[in-house]
Amino acid sequence: MNRLRLDATDLARIAIFAALVAALGLPGGFAVFGSVPITAQTLGVMLAGAVLGPWRGALSMVVLLALVALGLPLLSGGRGGLGALVGPSAGYLIGWVLGAAVIGAIVHGGARITRPRTLAGMLVGGIVAIYAVGIPVQAAVTRLPLDGTAFQSLVFLPGDLVKAALAVAITLTLARAYPRAFRRPLAATPQAPAPSTPTGERVADHTR
């Protein structure tokens, strides 16, 4: 039976990228319209998806948010606890999981890492996907109109475009300098084929 597996190296890499996103929040951020802060942590989300792939990248964000929910101060400004996951920025945090998955799916969608696909992944996953979750949740929590909230969120766009450009440059540099960092996407463990005779007929395995 085929199984999906994570080995010790996968778990270590997931933990490293969760820690990277947390570290990028140490400088803090500044709030926009008194609610959602602008931070460098989205850069870490982009890199997690690009390097780890869709499933591992998303898992690294799930690990981070689980630790935040337990009270660890891993968000910008030392925020943590369940309150951070129900406030105006909650949708953007949840969007990190979707964003990392989308980035990983696009960047790892071919036989090798390419600039056009990496850029598309950062823009679609690192910006569009996160905004698609974050803006509606922010509007619901703040009880502001959706269109007004979307317009206010445009203030994030210049910084996110800069972070996307940095993530593309870092990803492509890493792909050239250390391609082993990009392990194949999480996949089913293949079954070993049955041995065959010289005539091409498969031999039944009678061992127990």
C-alpha atoms as a PDB file:
ATOM      1  CA  MET A   1       0.000   0.000   0.000  1.00  0.00           C
ATOM      2  CA  ASN A   2       1.380   3.433  -0.969  1.00  0.00           C
ATOM      3  CA  ARG A   3       1.970   5.843   1.879  1.00  0.00           C
ATOM      4  CA  LEU A   4       2.898   9.470   2.266  1.00  0.00           C
ATOM      5  CA  ARG A   5       5.891   9.833   4.525  1.00  0.00           C
ATOM      6  CA  LEU A   6       7.961  12.550   6.180  1.00  0.00           C
ATOM      7  CA  ASP A   7      11.462  11.581   7.253  1.00  0.00           C
ATOM      8  CA  ALA A   8      13.673  13.194   9.876  1.00  0.00           C
ATOM      9  CA  THR A   9      15.202  15.555   7.328  1.00  0.00           C
ATOM     10  CA  ASP A  10      11.752  16.728   6.249  1.00  0.00           C
ATOM     11  CA  LEU A  11      10.754  17.409   9.852  1.00  0.00           C
ATOM     12  CA  ALA A  12      13.964  19.340  10.468  1.00  0.00           C
ATOM     13  CA  ARG A  13      13.447  21.466   7.351  1.00  0.00           C
ATOM     14  CA  ILE A  14       9.833  22.173   8.309  1.00  0.00           C
ATOM     15  CA  ALA A  15      10.987  23.289  11.767  1.00  0.00           C
ATOM     16  CA  ILE A  16      13.757  25.455  10.279  1.00  0.00           C
ATOM     17  CA  PHE A  17      11.367  27.384   8.046  1.00  0.00           C
ATOM     18  CA  ALA A  18       8.851  27.813  10.837  1.00  0.00           C
ATOM     19  CA  ALA A  19      11.710  29.270  12.889  1.00  0.00           C
ATOM     20  CA  LEU A  20      12.765  31.473   9.961  1.00  0.00           C
ATOM     21  CA  VAL A  21       9.315  33.057   9.727  1.00  0.00           C
ATOM     22  CA  ALA A  22       9.324  33.602  13.491  1.00  0.00           C
ATOM     23  CA  ALA A  23      12.806  35.201  13.323  1.00  0.00           C
ATOM     24  CA  LEU A  24      11.670  37.596  10.589  1.00  0.00           C
ATOM     25  CA  GLY A  25       9.059  38.876  13.027  1.00  0.00           C
ATOM     26  CA  LEU A  26      11.646  39.845  15.654  1.00  0.00           C
ATOM     27  CA  PRO A  27      12.217  43.358  14.243  1.00  0.00           C
ATOM     28  CA  GLY A  28       8.498  43.952  14.733  1.00  0.00           C
ATOM     29  CA  GLY A  29       6.218  45.789  12.355  1.00  0.00           C
ATOM     30  CA  PHE A  30       3.933  48.758  12.140  1.00  0.00           C
ATOM     31  CA  ALA A  31       0.172  48.632  12.046  1.00  0.00           C
ATOM     32  CA  VAL A  32      -1.921  49.735   9.103  1.00  0.00           C
ATOM     33  CA  PHE A  33      -5.057  51.650  10.052  1.00  0.00           C
ATOM     34  CA  GLY A  34      -4.531  50.420  13.604  1.00  0.00           C
ATOM     35  CA  SER A  35      -5.180  46.759  12.830  1.00  0.00           C
ATOM     36  CA  VAL A  36      -2.948  44.645  10.565  1.00  0.00           C
ATOM     37  CA  PRO A  37       0.848  45.084  10.924  1.00  0.00           C
ATOM     38  CA  ILE A  38       3.293  45.171   8.022  1.00  0.00           C
ATOM     39  CA  THR A  39       6.165  42.762   8.752  1.00  0.00           C
ATOM     40  CA  ALA A  40       8.938  40.857   6.985  1.00  0.00           C
ATOM     41  CA  GLN A  41       7.396  37.499   7.857  1.00  0.00           C
ATOM     42  CA  THR A  42       5.704  37.061   4.484  1.00  0.00           C
ATOM     43  CA  LEU A  43       9.178  36.759   2.960  1.00  0.00           C
ATOM     44  CA  GLY A  44       9.711  33.648   5.073  1.00  0.00           C
ATOM     45  CA  VAL A  45       6.369  32.240   3.943  1.00  0.00           C
ATOM     46  CA  MET A  46       7.385  32.718   0.314  1.00  0.00           C
ATOM     47  CA  LEU A  47      10.724  30.990   0.845  1.00  0.00           C
ATOM     48  CA  ALA A  48       9.108  28.118   2.741  1.00  0.00           C
ATOM     49  CA  GLY A  49       6.793  27.333  -0.152  1.00  0.00           C
ATOM     50  CA  ALA A  50       9.504  27.780  -2.793  1.00  0.00           C
ATOM     51  CA  VAL A  51      12.106  25.610  -1.082  1.00  0.00           C
ATOM     52  CA  LEU A  52      10.012  22.996   0.710  1.00  0.00           C
ATOM     53  CA  GLY A  53       7.298  22.525  -1.910  1.00  0.00           C
ATOM     54  CA  PRO A  54       3.527  22.665  -1.395  1.00  0.00           C
ATOM     55  CA  TRP A  55       2.923  20.154   1.387  1.00  0.00           C
ATOM     56  CA  ARG A  56       6.060  20.691   3.433  1.00  0.00           C
ATOM     57  CA  GLY A  57       5.777  24.460   3.020  1.00  0.00           C
ATOM     58  CA  ALA A  58       2.175  24.438   4.208  1.00  0.00           C
ATOM     59  CA  LEU A  59       3.075  22.146   7.122  1.00  0.00           C
ATOM     60  CA  SER A  60       5.799  24.544   8.256  1.00  0.00           C
ATOM     61  CA  MET A  61       3.180  27.289   8.502  1.00  0.00           C
ATOM     62  CA  VAL A  62       0.766  24.991  10.342  1.00  0.00           C
ATOM     63  CA  VAL A  63       3.530  24.228  12.859  1.00  0.00           C
ATOM     64  CA  LEU A  64       4.214  27.930  13.347  1.00  0.00           C
ATOM     65  CA  LEU A  65       0.550  28.808  13.871  1.00  0.00           C
ATOM     66  CA  ALA A  66       0.085  25.882  16.248  1.00  0.00           C
ATOM     67  CA  LEU A  67       2.947  27.204  18.387  1.00  0.00           C
ATOM     68  CA  VAL A  68       1.428  30.685  18.256  1.00  0.00           C
ATOM     69  CA  ALA A  69      -1.908  29.256  19.406  1.00  0.00           C
ATOM     70  CA  LEU A  70      -0.116  27.657  22.357  1.00  0.00           C
ATOM     71  CA  GLY A  71       1.046  31.102  23.430  1.00  0.00           C
ATOM     72  CA  LEU A  72       4.560  31.350  22.038  1.00  0.00           C
ATOM     73  CA  PRO A  73       5.357  34.971  21.010  1.00  0.00           C
ATOM     74  CA  LEU A  74       6.395  34.125  17.445  1.00  0.00           C
ATOM     75  CA  LEU A  75       4.528  36.828  15.537  1.00  0.00           C
ATOM     76  CA  SER A  76       5.808  40.332  14.927  1.00  0.00           C
ATOM     77  CA  GLY A  77       6.116  42.399  18.064  1.00  0.00           C
ATOM     78  CA  GLY A  78       6.194  39.294  20.257  1.00  0.00           C
ATOM     79  CA  ARG A  79       2.530  38.478  19.741  1.00  0.00           C
ATOM     80  CA  GLY A  80       1.184  35.033  20.469  1.00  0.00           C
ATOM     81  CA  GLY A  81      -1.810  33.180  21.857  1.00  0.00           C
ATOM     82  CA  LEU A  82      -5.260  32.479  20.497  1.00  0.00           C
ATOM     83  CA  GLY A  83      -6.080  36.185  20.434  1.00  0.00           C
ATOM     84  CA  ALA A  84      -3.685  36.660  17.524  1.00  0.00           C
ATOM     85  CA  LEU A  85      -5.605  34.050  15.545  1.00  0.00           C
ATOM     86  CA  VAL A  86      -8.989  35.721  15.935  1.00  0.00           C
ATOM     87  CA  GLY A  87      -8.041  39.371  15.403  1.00  0.00           C
ATOM     88  CA  PRO A  88      -8.025  41.469  12.230  1.00  0.00           C
ATOM     89  CA  SER A  89      -4.815  39.836  10.980  1.00  0.00           C
ATOM     90  CA  ALA A  90      -6.074  36.280  11.531  1.00  0.00           C
ATOM     91  CA  GLY A  91      -7.011  35.771   7.892  1.00  0.00           C
ATOM     92  CA  TYR A  92      -3.563  36.767   6.719  1.00  0.00           C
ATOM     93  CA  LEU A  93      -2.003  34.279   9.138  1.00  0.00           C
ATOM     94  CA  ILE A  94      -4.260  31.483   7.903  1.00  0.00           C
ATOM     95  CA  GLY A  95      -3.465  32.644   4.387  1.00  0.00           C
ATOM     96  CA  TRP A  96       0.181  31.820   5.044  1.00  0.00           C
ATOM     97  CA  VAL A  97      -0.718  28.122   4.924  1.00  0.00           C
ATOM     98  CA  LEU A  98      -2.564  28.467   1.610  1.00  0.00           C
ATOM     99  CA  GLY A  99       0.081  30.819   0.239  1.00  0.00           C
ATOM    100  CA  ALA A 100       2.960  28.438   0.977  1.00  0.00           C
ATOM    101  CA  ALA A 101       1.053  25.566  -0.639  1.00  0.00           C
ATOM    102  CA  VAL A 102       0.267  27.563  -3.784  1.00  0.00           C
ATOM    103  CA  ILE A 103       3.835  28.853  -4.072  1.00  0.00           C
ATOM    104  CA  GLY A 104       5.231  25.346  -3.707  1.00  0.00           C
ATOM    105  CA  ALA A 105       2.830  23.903  -6.267  1.00  0.00           C
ATOM    106  CA  ILE A 106       3.759  26.516  -8.862  1.00  0.00           C
ATOM    107  CA  VAL A 107       7.520  26.661  -8.224  1.00  0.00           C
ATOM    108  CA  HIS A 108       7.846  22.871  -8.137  1.00  0.00           C
ATOM    109  CA  GLY A 109       5.456  22.360 -11.037  1.00  0.00           C
ATOM    110  CA  GLY A 110       8.205  21.447 -13.495  1.00  0.00           C
ATOM    111  CA  ALA A 111      11.364  19.405 -13.753  1.00  0.00           C
ATOM    112  CA  ARG A 112      13.538  22.314 -12.548  1.00  0.00           C
ATOM    113  CA  ILE A 113      13.266  25.673 -10.827  1.00  0.00           C
ATOM    114  CA  THR A 114      12.777  28.475 -13.377  1.00  0.00           C
ATOM    115  CA  ARG A 115      12.549  32.240 -13.028  1.00  0.00           C
ATOM    116  CA  PRO A 116       9.084  32.667 -14.652  1.00  0.00           C
ATOM    117  CA  ARG A 117       7.512  29.927 -12.555  1.00  0.00           C
ATOM    118  CA  THR A 118       9.180  31.162  -9.373  1.00  0.00           C
ATOM    119  CA  LEU A 119       7.977  34.710  -9.989  1.00  0.00           C
ATOM    120  CA  ALA A 120       4.456  33.465 -10.745  1.00  0.00           C
ATOM    121  CA  GLY A 121       4.475  31.440  -7.538  1.00  0.00           C
ATOM    122  CA  MET A 122       5.479  34.430  -5.412  1.00  0.00           C
ATOM    123  CA  LEU A 123       2.848  36.690  -6.948  1.00  0.00           C
ATOM    124  CA  VAL A 124      -0.034  34.212  -6.992  1.00  0.00           C
ATOM    125  CA  GLY A 125       0.717  32.375  -3.757  1.00  0.00           C
ATOM    126  CA  GLY A 126       2.610  34.986  -1.781  1.00  0.00           C
ATOM    127  CA  ILE A 127       0.257  37.874  -2.527  1.00  0.00           C
ATOM    128  CA  VAL A 128      -3.030  36.910  -4.211  1.00  0.00           C
ATOM    129  CA  ALA A 129      -3.729  33.771  -2.152  1.00  0.00           C
ATOM    130  CA  ILE A 130      -2.876  35.435   1.170  1.00  0.00           C
ATOM    131  CA  TYR A 131      -4.955  38.514   0.364  1.00  0.00           C
ATOM    132  CA  ALA A 132      -7.850  36.304  -0.743  1.00  0.00           C
ATOM    133  CA  VAL A 133      -8.089  34.920   2.793  1.00  0.00           C
ATOM    134  CA  GLY A 134      -6.867  37.917   4.756  1.00  0.00           C
ATOM    135  CA  ILE A 135      -9.074  40.666   3.332  1.00  0.00           C
ATOM    136  CA  PRO A 136     -12.477  38.975   3.886  1.00  0.00           C
ATOM    137  CA  VAL A 137     -11.530  37.940   7.429  1.00  0.00           C
ATOM    138  CA  GLN A 138     -10.270  41.426   8.237  1.00  0.00           C
ATOM    139  CA  ALA A 139     -13.505  42.917   6.895  1.00  0.00           C
ATOM    140  CA  ALA A 140     -15.576  40.510   8.994  1.00  0.00           C
ATOM    141  CA  VAL A 141     -13.627  41.167  12.196  1.00  0.00           C
ATOM    142  CA  THR A 142     -13.517  44.940  11.812  1.00  0.00           C
ATOM    143  CA  ARG A 143     -17.074  45.080  10.415  1.00  0.00           C
ATOM    144  CA  LEU A 144     -15.958  47.252   7.546  1.00  0.00           C
ATOM    145  CA  PRO A 145     -17.149  46.936   3.933  1.00  0.00           C
ATOM    146  CA  LEU A 146     -15.221  44.380   1.892  1.00  0.00           C
ATOM    147  CA  ASP A 147     -14.389  46.835  -0.883  1.00  0.00           C
ATOM    148  CA  GLY A 148     -13.141  49.420   1.610  1.00  0.00           C
ATOM    149  CA  THR A 149     -10.982  46.829   3.355  1.00  0.00           C
ATOM    150  CA  ALA A 150      -9.563  45.701   0.022  1.00  0.00           C
ATOM    151  CA  PHE A 151      -8.711  49.299  -0.857  1.00  0.00           C
ATOM    152  CA  GLN A 152      -6.980  49.817   2.505  1.00  0.00           C
ATOM    153  CA  SER A 153      -5.004  46.615   1.956  1.00  0.00           C
ATOM    154  CA  LEU A 154      -3.360  48.110  -1.128  1.00  0.00           C
ATOM    155  CA  VAL A 155      -0.915  49.707   1.305  1.00  0.00           C
ATOM    156  CA  PHE A 156       0.626  46.237   1.722  1.00  0.00           C
ATOM    157  CA  LEU A 157       1.221  45.792  -2.004  1.00  0.00           C
ATOM    158  CA  PRO A 158       4.481  47.737  -2.546  1.00  0.00           C
ATOM    159  CA  GLY A 159       6.195  45.975   0.341  1.00  0.00           C
ATOM    160  CA  ASP A 160       4.886  42.575  -0.727  1.00  0.00           C
ATOM    161  CA  LEU A 161       6.166  43.132  -4.262  1.00  0.00           C
ATOM    162  CA  VAL A 162       9.606  43.921  -2.853  1.00  0.00           C
ATOM    163  CA  LYS A 163       9.482  40.767  -0.719  1.00  0.00           C
ATOM    164  CA  ALA A 164       8.395  38.731  -3.756  1.00  0.00           C
ATOM    165  CA  ALA A 165      11.360  40.050  -5.759  1.00  0.00           C
ATOM    166  CA  LEU A 166      13.742  39.200  -2.906  1.00  0.00           C
ATOM    167  CA  ALA A 167      12.233  35.726  -2.561  1.00  0.00           C
ATOM    168  CA  VAL A 168      12.691  35.081  -6.294  1.00  0.00           C
ATOM    169  CA  ALA A 169      16.329  36.174  -6.154  1.00  0.00           C
ATOM    170  CA  ILE A 170      17.063  34.076  -3.052  1.00  0.00           C
ATOM    171  CA  THR A 171      15.270  31.022  -4.457  1.00  0.00           C
ATOM    172  CA  LEU A 172      17.097  31.111  -7.802  1.00  0.00           C
ATOM    173  CA  THR A 173      20.452  31.707  -6.111  1.00  0.00           C
ATOM    174  CA  LEU A 174      19.873  28.787  -3.764  1.00  0.00           C
ATOM    175  CA  ALA A 175      18.739  26.577  -6.654  1.00  0.00           C
ATOM    176  CA  ARG A 176      22.021  27.239  -8.461  1.00  0.00           C
ATOM    177  CA  ALA A 177      24.332  27.091  -5.455  1.00  0.00           C
ATOM    178  CA  TYR A 178      22.716  24.266  -3.508  1.00  0.00           C
ATOM    179  CA  PRO A 179      20.151  22.338  -5.582  1.00  0.00           C
ATOM    180  CA  ARG A 180      19.957  19.608  -2.939  1.00  0.00           C
ATOM    181  CA  ALA A 181      17.949  22.054  -0.816  1.00  0.00           C
ATOM    182  CA  PHE A 182      15.036  21.457  -3.166  1.00  0.00           C
ATOM    183  CA  ARG A 183      13.936  17.931  -2.411  1.00  0.00           C
ATOM    184  CA  ARG A 184      11.253  16.343  -4.543  1.00  0.00           C
ATOM    185  CA  PRO A 185       7.643  17.115  -3.504  1.00  0.00           C
ATOM    186  CA  LEU A 186       5.989  14.847  -0.960  1.00  0.00           C
ATOM    187  CA  ALA A 187       4.937  11.781  -2.930  1.00  0.00           C
ATOM    188  CA  ALA A 188       3.745   8.265  -2.512  1.00  0.00           C
ATOM    189  CA  THR A 189       6.435   5.676  -1.783  1.00  0.00           C
ATOM    190  CA  PRO A 190       6.683   3.572  -4.958  1.00  0.00           C
ATOM    191  CA  GLN A 191       6.151  -0.152  -4.917  1.00  0.00           C
ATOM    192  CA  ALA A 192       9.119  -2.245  -6.045  1.00  0.00           C
ATOM    193  CA  PRO A 193       8.291  -4.026  -9.337  1.00  0.00           C
ATOM    194  CA  ALA A 194       8.083  -7.788  -9.351  1.00  0.00           C
ATOM    195  CA  PRO A 195      11.035  -9.569 -10.973  1.00  0.00           C
ATOM    196  CA  SER A 196      10.505 -10.853 -14.499  1.00  0.00           C
ATOM    197  CA  THR A 197      11.733 -13.791 -16.532  1.00  0.00           C
ATOM    198  CA  PRO A 198      13.777 -13.371 -19.724  1.00  0.00           C
ATOM    199  CA  THR A 199      10.506 -13.660 -21.667  1.00  0.00           C
ATOM    200  CA  GLY A 200       9.104 -10.633 -19.854  1.00  0.00           C
ATOM    201  CA  GLU A 201       6.629 -12.553 -17.649  1.00  0.00           C
ATOM    202  CA  ARG A 202       6.494 -11.412 -14.040  1.00  0.00           C
ATOM    203  CA  VAL A 203       7.376 -13.972 -11.404  1.00  0.00           C
ATOM    204  CA  ALA A 204       5.113 -14.260  -8.382  1.00  0.00           C
ATOM    205  CA  ASP A 205       6.811 -13.650  -5.075  1.00  0.00           C
ATOM    206  CA  HIS A 206       6.273 -16.647  -2.808  1.00  0.00           C
ATOM    207  CA  THR A 207       8.499 -15.444   0.015  1.00  0.00           C
ATOM    208  CA  ARG A 208       6.932 -14.724   3.385  1.00  0.00           C
END
